[in-house]
Amino acid sequence: MAAEHQQGRVDIPASGWVAAAPGWLRPYLRLARLDRSIGIWLLLWPCWWSLALAADGWPDPVLLLLFAVGALAMRGAGCCWNDIADRDLDGRVARTRTRPIPAGEISVIGAGVCMVALALAGLAVLLTLNRFAQAVGLISLAPVAIYPFMKRVTWWPQFFLGLAFNWGALLGYAAVRGELGWPALALYLGGIAWTLGYDTVYAHQDRDDDALIGVKSSALRLGRHSRPALALFYSLATAGFALAGQGLGWPFWLGLAGLALHFAWQTAVIDLDDPADCLAKFRANHGAAAILFVGIVAGRLAA
């Protein structure tokens, strides 16, 4: 069975800084995925891209810090909600069966309390922004709320993750300018395509278990066509970012070229049948996003 083939490949690392925390706190830290920063970064980068894109010069360091705190809190709250919604499914997948709820370390009520506490921390950050940005931020709760259920009804839950995870591309712009413009929309659409790429890669880790338990993913839908699909998703992402960067100076285009080369490398060399390689390529998107951020900042300063 697929679970036997994936024995030992679990979602919760046994070591790391969380292992040094008090015993009662560890399950909550793991529930919020605070021991795995990649999800925080993938949520934060669209925020920082947008803050840099909307700035007149250097992005505001206070806003950069506020959005970092907000991404930390809201990614944790989202993980709590995801695990509450998926508690029955997680126990049937090799990679996720050791998560705190299916492992019996945290009750659903305890996870709900953790989610509310983290969401309130995110709300505190949101309330420091202008009124328009607050409204934009509150609307983001809709895609966050529906995302965990999409794997039950569509082959494309990765698209709905993209809607939620790239909302910062809209929110950052709104926080700086008090309005939305086409560059923010182009950045958002590019980010959705980017998420379709990296989360399809991520979903290939679970495709055997997902098929057995009857949930859907882009990895299962695309199958052997996944590599050309990745090329398409990453090309659309690059096009969206290029449209968003119109008017920026030459360093932006240099950074965008570096990003495109990274996408091409990732698509060409990934082994979609190797879960460890899929995870490594998924994590590599953190560095790819950093390239784009540097390009936007430098391009704005040059302009």
C-alpha atoms as a PDB file:
ATOM      1  CA  MET A   1       0.000   0.000   0.000  1.00  0.00           C
ATOM      2  CA  ALA A   2       1.057   3.626  -0.523  1.00  0.00           C
ATOM      3  CA  ALA A   3       1.325   4.265   3.206  1.00  0.00           C
ATOM      4  CA  GLU A   4       3.815   1.417   3.510  1.00  0.00           C
ATOM      5  CA  HIS A   5       5.933   2.862   0.713  1.00  0.00           C
ATOM      6  CA  GLN A   6       6.016   6.170   2.581  1.00  0.00           C
ATOM      7  CA  GLN A   7       6.716   4.744   6.049  1.00  0.00           C
ATOM      8  CA  GLY A   8       8.880   7.103   8.065  1.00  0.00           C
ATOM      9  CA  ARG A   9       8.114  10.124   5.857  1.00  0.00           C
ATOM     10  CA  VAL A  10       6.130  12.206   8.312  1.00  0.00           C
ATOM     11  CA  ASP A  11       5.073  15.820   8.550  1.00  0.00           C
ATOM     12  CA  ILE A  12       6.385  16.549  12.050  1.00  0.00           C
ATOM     13  CA  PRO A  13      10.165  16.814  12.520  1.00  0.00           C
ATOM     14  CA  ALA A  14      11.363  15.040  15.664  1.00  0.00           C
ATOM     15  CA  SER A  15      14.145  17.543  16.336  1.00  0.00           C
ATOM     16  CA  GLY A  16      14.524  21.307  16.082  1.00  0.00           C
ATOM     17  CA  TRP A  17      13.912  24.180  18.440  1.00  0.00           C
ATOM     18  CA  VAL A  18      10.339  23.081  19.234  1.00  0.00           C
ATOM     19  CA  ALA A  19      11.741  19.968  20.923  1.00  0.00           C
ATOM     20  CA  ALA A  20      13.300  22.268  23.549  1.00  0.00           C
ATOM     21  CA  ALA A  21       9.970  23.962  24.383  1.00  0.00           C
ATOM     22  CA  PRO A  22       7.881  22.914  27.416  1.00  0.00           C
ATOM     23  CA  GLY A  23       6.034  19.658  26.808  1.00  0.00           C
ATOM     24  CA  TRP A  24       2.543  21.178  27.019  1.00  0.00           C
ATOM     25  CA  LEU A  25       3.438  23.852  24.435  1.00  0.00           C
ATOM     26  CA  ARG A  26       5.060  21.650  21.788  1.00  0.00           C
ATOM     27  CA  PRO A  27       1.835  20.326  20.198  1.00  0.00           C
ATOM     28  CA  TYR A  28       0.509  23.876  19.767  1.00  0.00           C
ATOM     29  CA  LEU A  29       3.748  25.094  18.193  1.00  0.00           C
ATOM     30  CA  ARG A  30       3.601  22.159  15.792  1.00  0.00           C
ATOM     31  CA  LEU A  31      -0.095  22.687  15.112  1.00  0.00           C
ATOM     32  CA  ALA A  32       0.708  26.242  13.994  1.00  0.00           C
ATOM     33  CA  ARG A  33       3.704  24.904  11.964  1.00  0.00           C
ATOM     34  CA  LEU A  34       6.058  27.262  13.764  1.00  0.00           C
ATOM     35  CA  ASP A  35       8.754  24.615  13.393  1.00  0.00           C
ATOM     36  CA  ARG A  36       8.501  24.906   9.588  1.00  0.00           C
ATOM     37  CA  SER A  37       9.061  28.451   8.399  1.00  0.00           C
ATOM     38  CA  ILE A  38       8.643  27.815   4.666  1.00  0.00           C
ATOM     39  CA  GLY A  39       4.874  28.359   4.807  1.00  0.00           C
ATOM     40  CA  ILE A  40       5.352  31.659   6.624  1.00  0.00           C
ATOM     41  CA  TRP A  41       7.764  32.833   3.931  1.00  0.00           C
ATOM     42  CA  LEU A  42       5.497  31.778   1.078  1.00  0.00           C
ATOM     43  CA  LEU A  43       2.682  33.786   2.667  1.00  0.00           C
ATOM     44  CA  LEU A  44       4.938  36.749   3.454  1.00  0.00           C
ATOM     45  CA  TRP A  45       6.741  37.217   0.137  1.00  0.00           C
ATOM     46  CA  PRO A  46       3.675  38.458  -1.822  1.00  0.00           C
ATOM     47  CA  CYS A  47       3.116  40.993   0.981  1.00  0.00           C
ATOM     48  CA  TRP A  48       6.688  42.237   0.773  1.00  0.00           C
ATOM     49  CA  TRP A  49       6.624  42.270  -3.039  1.00  0.00           C
ATOM     50  CA  SER A  50       3.543  44.474  -2.916  1.00  0.00           C
ATOM     51  CA  LEU A  51       4.914  46.801  -0.241  1.00  0.00           C
ATOM     52  CA  ALA A  52       8.039  47.303  -2.357  1.00  0.00           C
ATOM     53  CA  LEU A  53       6.048  47.741  -5.560  1.00  0.00           C
ATOM     54  CA  ALA A  54       3.779  50.400  -4.040  1.00  0.00           C
ATOM     55  CA  ALA A  55       6.566  52.345  -2.297  1.00  0.00           C
ATOM     56  CA  ASP A  56       8.047  55.549  -3.676  1.00  0.00           C
ATOM     57  CA  GLY A  57      11.536  54.419  -2.696  1.00  0.00           C
ATOM     58  CA  TRP A  58      12.626  51.976  -0.033  1.00  0.00           C
ATOM     59  CA  PRO A  59       9.724  49.922   1.376  1.00  0.00           C
ATOM     60  CA  ASP A  60       8.614  51.105   4.815  1.00  0.00           C
ATOM     61  CA  PRO A  61      10.517  48.991   7.402  1.00  0.00           C
ATOM     62  CA  VAL A  62       7.673  49.311   9.903  1.00  0.00           C
ATOM     63  CA  LEU A  63       5.218  47.862   7.384  1.00  0.00           C
ATOM     64  CA  LEU A  64       7.674  45.105   6.497  1.00  0.00           C
ATOM     65  CA  LEU A  65       7.844  44.157  10.173  1.00  0.00           C
ATOM     66  CA  LEU A  66       4.083  44.393  10.712  1.00  0.00           C
ATOM     67  CA  PHE A  67       3.392  42.174   7.728  1.00  0.00           C
ATOM     68  CA  ALA A  68       5.978  39.666   8.952  1.00  0.00           C
ATOM     69  CA  VAL A  69       4.192  39.433  12.296  1.00  0.00           C
ATOM     70  CA  GLY A  70       0.844  39.201  10.530  1.00  0.00           C
ATOM     71  CA  ALA A  71       2.057  36.424   8.221  1.00  0.00           C
ATOM     72  CA  LEU A  72       3.396  34.477  11.196  1.00  0.00           C
ATOM     73  CA  ALA A  73       0.085  34.761  13.045  1.00  0.00           C
ATOM     74  CA  MET A  74      -2.256  34.164  10.119  1.00  0.00           C
ATOM     75  CA  ARG A  75      -0.302  31.248   8.688  1.00  0.00           C
ATOM     76  CA  GLY A  76      -0.516  29.641  12.125  1.00  0.00           C
ATOM     77  CA  ALA A  77      -4.248  30.325  12.368  1.00  0.00           C
ATOM     78  CA  GLY A  78      -4.746  28.939   8.875  1.00  0.00           C
ATOM     79  CA  CYS A  79      -2.865  25.759   9.782  1.00  0.00           C
ATOM     80  CA  CYS A  80      -5.076  25.307  12.837  1.00  0.00           C
ATOM     81  CA  TRP A  81      -8.192  25.684  10.695  1.00  0.00           C
ATOM     82  CA  ASN A  82      -6.811  23.349   8.035  1.00  0.00           C
ATOM     83  CA  ASP A  83      -6.027  20.651  10.596  1.00  0.00           C
ATOM     84  CA  ILE A  84      -9.440  20.972  12.235  1.00  0.00           C
ATOM     85  CA  ALA A  85     -11.150  20.561   8.861  1.00  0.00           C
ATOM     86  CA  ASP A  86      -8.835  17.710   7.781  1.00  0.00           C
ATOM     87  CA  ARG A  87      -8.590  15.856  11.089  1.00  0.00           C
ATOM     88  CA  ASP A  88     -10.187  12.690   9.697  1.00  0.00           C
ATOM     89  CA  LEU A  89      -8.183  12.738   6.461  1.00  0.00           C
ATOM     90  CA  ASP A  90      -4.817  13.498   8.104  1.00  0.00           C
ATOM     91  CA  GLY A  91      -4.911  10.305  10.115  1.00  0.00           C
ATOM     92  CA  ARG A  92      -5.112   8.290   6.890  1.00  0.00           C
ATOM     93  CA  VAL A  93      -2.101   9.863   5.144  1.00  0.00           C
ATOM     94  CA  ALA A  94       1.411   8.700   5.981  1.00  0.00           C
ATOM     95  CA  ARG A  95       2.925  12.187   5.971  1.00  0.00           C
ATOM     96  CA  THR A  96       0.269  13.834   8.149  1.00  0.00           C
ATOM     97  CA  ARG A  97      -0.845  11.134  10.601  1.00  0.00           C
ATOM     98  CA  THR A  98       1.500  12.448  13.326  1.00  0.00           C
ATOM     99  CA  ARG A  99       0.010  15.946  13.305  1.00  0.00           C
ATOM    100  CA  PRO A 100      -1.212  16.934  16.792  1.00  0.00           C
ATOM    101  CA  ILE A 101      -4.954  16.445  16.236  1.00  0.00           C
ATOM    102  CA  PRO A 102      -4.948  12.974  14.583  1.00  0.00           C
ATOM    103  CA  ALA A 103      -2.169  11.927  16.978  1.00  0.00           C
ATOM    104  CA  GLY A 104      -4.429  12.801  19.936  1.00  0.00           C
ATOM    105  CA  GLU A 105      -2.093  15.453  21.366  1.00  0.00           C
ATOM    106  CA  ILE A 106      -4.604  18.294  20.987  1.00  0.00           C
ATOM    107  CA  SER A 107      -8.397  18.279  21.026  1.00  0.00           C
ATOM    108  CA  VAL A 108     -10.462  20.049  18.393  1.00  0.00           C
ATOM    109  CA  ILE A 109     -11.490  22.582  21.055  1.00  0.00           C
ATOM    110  CA  GLY A 110      -7.852  23.206  21.970  1.00  0.00           C
ATOM    111  CA  ALA A 111      -6.991  23.695  18.300  1.00  0.00           C
ATOM    112  CA  GLY A 112      -9.898  26.112  17.964  1.00  0.00           C
ATOM    113  CA  VAL A 113      -8.671  28.175  20.916  1.00  0.00           C
ATOM    114  CA  CYS A 114      -5.198  28.300  19.367  1.00  0.00           C
ATOM    115  CA  MET A 115      -6.681  29.388  16.037  1.00  0.00           C
ATOM    116  CA  VAL A 116      -8.691  32.205  17.621  1.00  0.00           C
ATOM    117  CA  ALA A 117      -5.680  33.461  19.596  1.00  0.00           C
ATOM    118  CA  LEU A 118      -3.516  33.596  16.478  1.00  0.00           C
ATOM    119  CA  ALA A 119      -6.300  35.206  14.427  1.00  0.00           C
ATOM    120  CA  LEU A 120      -6.664  37.918  17.062  1.00  0.00           C
ATOM    121  CA  ALA A 121      -2.935  38.603  16.822  1.00  0.00           C
ATOM    122  CA  GLY A 122      -3.356  38.952  13.065  1.00  0.00           C
ATOM    123  CA  LEU A 123      -6.336  41.262  13.596  1.00  0.00           C
ATOM    124  CA  ALA A 124      -4.234  43.461  15.886  1.00  0.00           C
ATOM    125  CA  VAL A 125      -1.763  43.931  13.039  1.00  0.00           C
ATOM    126  CA  LEU A 126      -4.532  44.609  10.530  1.00  0.00           C
ATOM    127  CA  LEU A 127      -6.007  47.337  12.734  1.00  0.00           C
ATOM    128  CA  THR A 128      -2.760  49.334  12.474  1.00  0.00           C
ATOM    129  CA  LEU A 129      -3.375  49.794   8.723  1.00  0.00           C
ATOM    130  CA  ASN A 130      -5.628  52.272   6.930  1.00  0.00           C
ATOM    131  CA  ARG A 131      -9.371  51.629   6.669  1.00  0.00           C
ATOM    132  CA  PHE A 132      -9.257  50.515   3.051  1.00  0.00           C
ATOM    133  CA  ALA A 133      -6.495  48.008   3.806  1.00  0.00           C
ATOM    134  CA  GLN A 134      -8.491  46.723   6.778  1.00  0.00           C
ATOM    135  CA  ALA A 135     -11.430  45.991   4.479  1.00  0.00           C
ATOM    136  CA  VAL A 136      -9.168  44.244   1.969  1.00  0.00           C
ATOM    137  CA  GLY A 137      -7.672  42.167   4.764  1.00  0.00           C
ATOM    138  CA  LEU A 138     -11.036  41.078   6.143  1.00  0.00           C
ATOM    139  CA  ILE A 139     -12.177  39.864   2.711  1.00  0.00           C
ATOM    140  CA  SER A 140      -9.207  37.475   2.706  1.00  0.00           C
ATOM    141  CA  LEU A 141     -10.980  35.367   5.329  1.00  0.00           C
ATOM    142  CA  ALA A 142     -13.296  33.976   2.629  1.00  0.00           C
ATOM    143  CA  PRO A 143     -10.648  32.096   0.596  1.00  0.00           C
ATOM    144  CA  VAL A 144      -8.919  31.032   3.817  1.00  0.00           C
ATOM    145  CA  ALA A 145     -12.179  29.563   5.148  1.00  0.00           C
ATOM    146  CA  ILE A 146     -13.056  27.539   2.046  1.00  0.00           C
ATOM    147  CA  TYR A 147      -9.594  26.279   1.092  1.00  0.00           C
ATOM    148  CA  PRO A 148      -9.460  23.126   3.303  1.00  0.00           C
ATOM    149  CA  PHE A 149     -12.658  21.792   1.742  1.00  0.00           C
ATOM    150  CA  MET A 150     -11.665  22.251  -1.893  1.00  0.00           C
ATOM    151  CA  LYS A 151      -9.721  18.976  -2.102  1.00  0.00           C
ATOM    152  CA  ARG A 152     -13.049  17.219  -1.624  1.00  0.00           C
ATOM    153  CA  VAL A 153     -14.808  18.894  -4.548  1.00  0.00           C
ATOM    154  CA  THR A 154     -12.229  19.939  -7.158  1.00  0.00           C
ATOM    155  CA  TRP A 155      -8.996  18.691  -8.698  1.00  0.00           C
ATOM    156  CA  TRP A 156      -7.614  22.210  -8.238  1.00  0.00           C
ATOM    157  CA  PRO A 157      -7.389  22.978  -4.499  1.00  0.00           C
ATOM    158  CA  GLN A 158      -3.985  24.500  -5.321  1.00  0.00           C
ATOM    159  CA  PHE A 159      -5.799  27.317  -7.123  1.00  0.00           C
ATOM    160  CA  PHE A 160      -7.794  28.121  -3.993  1.00  0.00           C
ATOM    161  CA  LEU A 161      -4.620  28.029  -1.917  1.00  0.00           C
ATOM    162  CA  GLY A 162      -3.220  30.574  -4.364  1.00  0.00           C
ATOM    163  CA  LEU A 163      -6.221  32.841  -3.792  1.00  0.00           C
ATOM    164  CA  ALA A 164      -5.547  32.805  -0.048  1.00  0.00           C
ATOM    165  CA  PHE A 165      -1.745  32.732   0.070  1.00  0.00           C
ATOM    166  CA  ASN A 166      -1.227  35.622  -2.352  1.00  0.00           C
ATOM    167  CA  TRP A 167      -3.774  37.999  -0.841  1.00  0.00           C
ATOM    168  CA  GLY A 168      -0.861  39.973   0.562  1.00  0.00           C
ATOM    169  CA  ALA A 169      -0.142  41.170  -2.983  1.00  0.00           C
ATOM    170  CA  LEU A 170      -3.372  43.161  -2.693  1.00  0.00           C
ATOM    171  CA  LEU A 171      -3.107  43.995   0.992  1.00  0.00           C
ATOM    172  CA  GLY A 172       0.433  45.389   0.867  1.00  0.00           C
ATOM    173  CA  TYR A 173      -0.430  47.730  -1.985  1.00  0.00           C
ATOM    174  CA  ALA A 174      -3.567  48.877  -0.172  1.00  0.00           C
ATOM    175  CA  ALA A 175      -1.589  49.480   3.024  1.00  0.00           C
ATOM    176  CA  VAL A 176       0.806  51.833   1.233  1.00  0.00           C
ATOM    177  CA  ARG A 177      -1.493  53.647  -1.186  1.00  0.00           C
ATOM    178  CA  GLY A 178      -4.955  53.301   0.326  1.00  0.00           C
ATOM    179  CA  GLU A 179      -6.256  51.895  -2.960  1.00  0.00           C
ATOM    180  CA  LEU A 180      -5.724  49.055  -5.416  1.00  0.00           C
ATOM    181  CA  GLY A 181      -4.227  49.397  -8.886  1.00  0.00           C
ATOM    182  CA  TRP A 182      -3.532  47.138 -11.837  1.00  0.00           C
ATOM    183  CA  PRO A 183       0.062  46.423 -10.694  1.00  0.00           C
ATOM    184  CA  ALA A 184      -1.299  44.849  -7.509  1.00  0.00           C
ATOM    185  CA  LEU A 185      -3.817  42.794  -9.477  1.00  0.00           C
ATOM    186  CA  ALA A 186      -1.121  41.596 -11.904  1.00  0.00           C
ATOM    187  CA  LEU A 187       1.103  40.686  -8.958  1.00  0.00           C
ATOM    188  CA  TYR A 188      -1.783  38.779  -7.368  1.00  0.00           C
ATOM    189  CA  LEU A 189      -2.564  36.825 -10.534  1.00  0.00           C
ATOM    190  CA  GLY A 190       1.114  36.028 -11.019  1.00  0.00           C
ATOM    191  CA  GLY A 191       1.265  34.825  -7.433  1.00  0.00           C
ATOM    192  CA  ILE A 192      -1.710  32.504  -7.955  1.00  0.00           C
ATOM    193  CA  ALA A 193       0.052  30.907 -10.929  1.00  0.00           C
ATOM    194  CA  TRP A 194       3.226  30.607  -8.839  1.00  0.00           C
ATOM    195  CA  THR A 195       1.286  28.804  -6.103  1.00  0.00           C
ATOM    196  CA  LEU A 196      -0.270  26.466  -8.657  1.00  0.00           C
ATOM    197  CA  GLY A 197       3.286  25.518  -9.556  1.00  0.00           C
ATOM    198  CA  TYR A 198       4.882  25.057  -6.169  1.00  0.00           C
ATOM    199  CA  ASP A 199       1.867  23.418  -4.530  1.00  0.00           C
ATOM    200  CA  THR A 200       1.477  20.970  -7.396  1.00  0.00           C
ATOM    201  CA  VAL A 201       5.078  20.001  -6.666  1.00  0.00           C
ATOM    202  CA  TYR A 202       4.192  19.675  -2.975  1.00  0.00           C
ATOM    203  CA  ALA A 203       1.089  17.591  -3.754  1.00  0.00           C
ATOM    204  CA  HIS A 204       3.168  14.992  -5.588  1.00  0.00           C
ATOM    205  CA  GLN A 205       4.421  13.846  -2.167  1.00  0.00           C
ATOM    206  CA  ASP A 206       0.925  12.621  -1.274  1.00  0.00           C
ATOM    207  CA  ARG A 207      -0.530  11.537  -4.591  1.00  0.00           C
ATOM    208  CA  ASP A 208      -0.648   7.801  -3.751  1.00  0.00           C
ATOM    209  CA  ASP A 209      -2.299   8.339  -0.373  1.00  0.00           C
ATOM    210  CA  ASP A 210      -4.638  10.979  -1.811  1.00  0.00           C
ATOM    211  CA  ALA A 211      -5.782   8.536  -4.474  1.00  0.00           C
ATOM    212  CA  LEU A 212      -6.429   5.857  -1.853  1.00  0.00           C
ATOM    213  CA  ILE A 213      -8.519   8.060   0.431  1.00  0.00           C
ATOM    214  CA  GLY A 214     -10.371   9.800  -2.390  1.00  0.00           C
ATOM    215  CA  VAL A 215      -9.222  13.424  -2.170  1.00  0.00           C
ATOM    216  CA  LYS A 216      -8.268  15.483  -5.202  1.00  0.00           C
ATOM    217  CA  SER A 217      -5.199  17.475  -6.184  1.00  0.00           C
ATOM    218  CA  SER A 218      -3.593  18.992  -9.250  1.00  0.00           C
ATOM    219  CA  ALA A 219      -0.854  16.356  -8.974  1.00  0.00           C
ATOM    220  CA  LEU A 220      -3.420  13.592  -9.430  1.00  0.00           C
ATOM    221  CA  ARG A 221      -5.289  15.435 -12.173  1.00  0.00           C
ATOM    222  CA  LEU A 222      -2.187  16.233 -14.185  1.00  0.00           C
ATOM    223  CA  GLY A 223      -0.321  12.961 -13.651  1.00  0.00           C
ATOM    224  CA  ARG A 224       2.358  12.521 -16.325  1.00  0.00           C
ATOM    225  CA  HIS A 225       1.512  15.962 -17.714  1.00  0.00           C
ATOM    226  CA  SER A 226       2.706  17.663 -14.525  1.00  0.00           C
ATOM    227  CA  ARG A 227       6.070  18.803 -15.907  1.00  0.00           C
ATOM    228  CA  PRO A 228       4.661  20.731 -18.887  1.00  0.00           C
ATOM    229  CA  ALA A 229       1.953  22.085 -16.586  1.00  0.00           C
ATOM    230  CA  LEU A 230       4.640  23.381 -14.227  1.00  0.00           C
ATOM    231  CA  ALA A 231       6.286  25.108 -17.178  1.00  0.00           C
ATOM    232  CA  LEU A 232       2.943  26.742 -17.984  1.00  0.00           C
ATOM    233  CA  PHE A 233       2.211  27.796 -14.383  1.00  0.00           C
ATOM    234  CA  TYR A 234       5.654  29.283 -13.875  1.00  0.00           C
ATOM    235  CA  SER A 235       5.518  31.038 -17.259  1.00  0.00           C
ATOM    236  CA  LEU A 236       2.183  32.604 -16.322  1.00  0.00           C
ATOM    237  CA  ALA A 237       3.662  33.652 -12.981  1.00  0.00           C
ATOM    238  CA  THR A 238       6.611  35.302 -14.707  1.00  0.00           C
ATOM    239  CA  ALA A 239       4.259  37.092 -17.116  1.00  0.00           C
ATOM    240  CA  GLY A 240       2.127  38.387 -14.244  1.00  0.00           C
ATOM    241  CA  PHE A 241       5.171  39.655 -12.381  1.00  0.00           C
ATOM    242  CA  ALA A 242       6.466  41.296 -15.568  1.00  0.00           C
ATOM    243  CA  LEU A 243       3.170  43.126 -16.030  1.00  0.00           C
ATOM    244  CA  ALA A 244       3.214  44.257 -12.386  1.00  0.00           C
ATOM    245  CA  GLY A 245       6.750  45.622 -12.793  1.00  0.00           C
ATOM    246  CA  GLN A 246       6.055  47.909 -15.730  1.00  0.00           C
ATOM    247  CA  GLY A 247       7.746  51.237 -15.019  1.00  0.00           C
ATOM    248  CA  LEU A 248      10.411  49.838 -12.719  1.00  0.00           C
ATOM    249  CA  GLY A 249      14.091  50.243 -13.543  1.00  0.00           C
ATOM    250  CA  TRP A 250      16.432  47.741 -15.187  1.00  0.00           C
ATOM    251  CA  PRO A 251      17.390  45.908 -11.942  1.00  0.00           C
ATOM    252  CA  PHE A 252      13.843  44.579 -11.754  1.00  0.00           C
ATOM    253  CA  TRP A 253      14.173  42.938 -15.163  1.00  0.00           C
ATOM    254  CA  LEU A 254      17.483  41.427 -14.148  1.00  0.00           C
ATOM    255  CA  GLY A 255      15.838  39.980 -11.032  1.00  0.00           C
ATOM    256  CA  LEU A 256      12.884  38.719 -13.064  1.00  0.00           C
ATOM    257  CA  ALA A 257      15.289  36.989 -15.464  1.00  0.00           C
ATOM    258  CA  GLY A 258      16.933  35.292 -12.470  1.00  0.00           C
ATOM    259  CA  LEU A 259      13.524  34.163 -11.259  1.00  0.00           C
ATOM    260  CA  ALA A 260      12.618  32.793 -14.697  1.00  0.00           C
ATOM    261  CA  LEU A 261      15.902  30.847 -14.826  1.00  0.00           C
ATOM    262  CA  HIS A 262      15.149  29.394 -11.397  1.00  0.00           C
ATOM    263  CA  PHE A 263      11.698  28.303 -12.563  1.00  0.00           C
ATOM    264  CA  ALA A 264      13.199  26.715 -15.685  1.00  0.00           C
ATOM    265  CA  TRP A 265      15.783  24.845 -13.611  1.00  0.00           C
ATOM    266  CA  GLN A 266      13.165  23.635 -11.150  1.00  0.00           C
ATOM    267  CA  THR A 267      10.876  22.391 -13.906  1.00  0.00           C
ATOM    268  CA  ALA A 268      13.674  20.658 -15.809  1.00  0.00           C
ATOM    269  CA  VAL A 269      15.386  18.762 -12.992  1.00  0.00           C
ATOM    270  CA  ILE A 270      12.599  17.862 -10.544  1.00  0.00           C
ATOM    271  CA  ASP A 271      11.919  14.174  -9.962  1.00  0.00           C
ATOM    272  CA  LEU A 272       8.173  14.076  -9.421  1.00  0.00           C
ATOM    273  CA  ASP A 273       8.361  10.441  -8.302  1.00  0.00           C
ATOM    274  CA  ASP A 274      10.746  11.282  -5.430  1.00  0.00           C
ATOM    275  CA  PRO A 275       8.927  12.856  -2.435  1.00  0.00           C
ATOM    276  CA  ALA A 276      12.205  14.144  -0.968  1.00  0.00           C
ATOM    277  CA  ASP A 277      13.081  15.954  -4.200  1.00  0.00           C
ATOM    278  CA  CYS A 278       9.563  17.375  -4.461  1.00  0.00           C
ATOM    279  CA  LEU A 279       9.895  18.788  -0.949  1.00  0.00           C
ATOM    280  CA  ALA A 280      13.320  20.246  -1.740  1.00  0.00           C
ATOM    281  CA  LYS A 281      12.070  21.934  -4.918  1.00  0.00           C
ATOM    282  CA  PHE A 282       9.003  23.220  -3.080  1.00  0.00           C
ATOM    283  CA  ARG A 283      11.226  24.815  -0.441  1.00  0.00           C
ATOM    284  CA  ALA A 284      13.440  26.327  -3.151  1.00  0.00           C
ATOM    285  CA  ASN A 285      10.594  28.718  -3.961  1.00  0.00           C
ATOM    286  CA  HIS A 286      11.586  30.713  -0.878  1.00  0.00           C
ATOM    287  CA  GLY A 287      14.845  31.673  -2.589  1.00  0.00           C
ATOM    288  CA  ALA A 288      13.053  32.311  -5.862  1.00  0.00           C
ATOM    289  CA  ALA A 289      10.695  34.753  -4.151  1.00  0.00           C
ATOM    290  CA  ALA A 290      13.633  36.548  -2.527  1.00  0.00           C
ATOM    291  CA  ILE A 291      15.135  37.132  -5.979  1.00  0.00           C
ATOM    292  CA  LEU A 292      11.938  38.858  -7.086  1.00  0.00           C
ATOM    293  CA  PHE A 293      11.795  40.995  -3.934  1.00  0.00           C
ATOM    294  CA  VAL A 294      15.336  42.252  -4.432  1.00  0.00           C
ATOM    295  CA  GLY A 295      14.525  42.972  -8.069  1.00  0.00           C
ATOM    296  CA  ILE A 296      11.415  44.995  -7.180  1.00  0.00           C
ATOM    297  CA  VAL A 297      13.217  47.030  -4.508  1.00  0.00           C
ATOM    298  CA  ALA A 298      16.206  47.738  -6.746  1.00  0.00           C
ATOM    299  CA  GLY A 299      13.964  48.439  -9.735  1.00  0.00           C
ATOM    300  CA  ARG A 300      11.889  50.923  -7.727  1.00  0.00           C
ATOM    301  CA  LEU A 301      15.010  52.743  -6.521  1.00  0.00           C
ATOM    302  CA  ALA A 302      16.435  52.837 -10.051  1.00  0.00           C
ATOM    303  CA  ALA A 303      13.180  54.214 -11.428  1.00  0.00           C
END
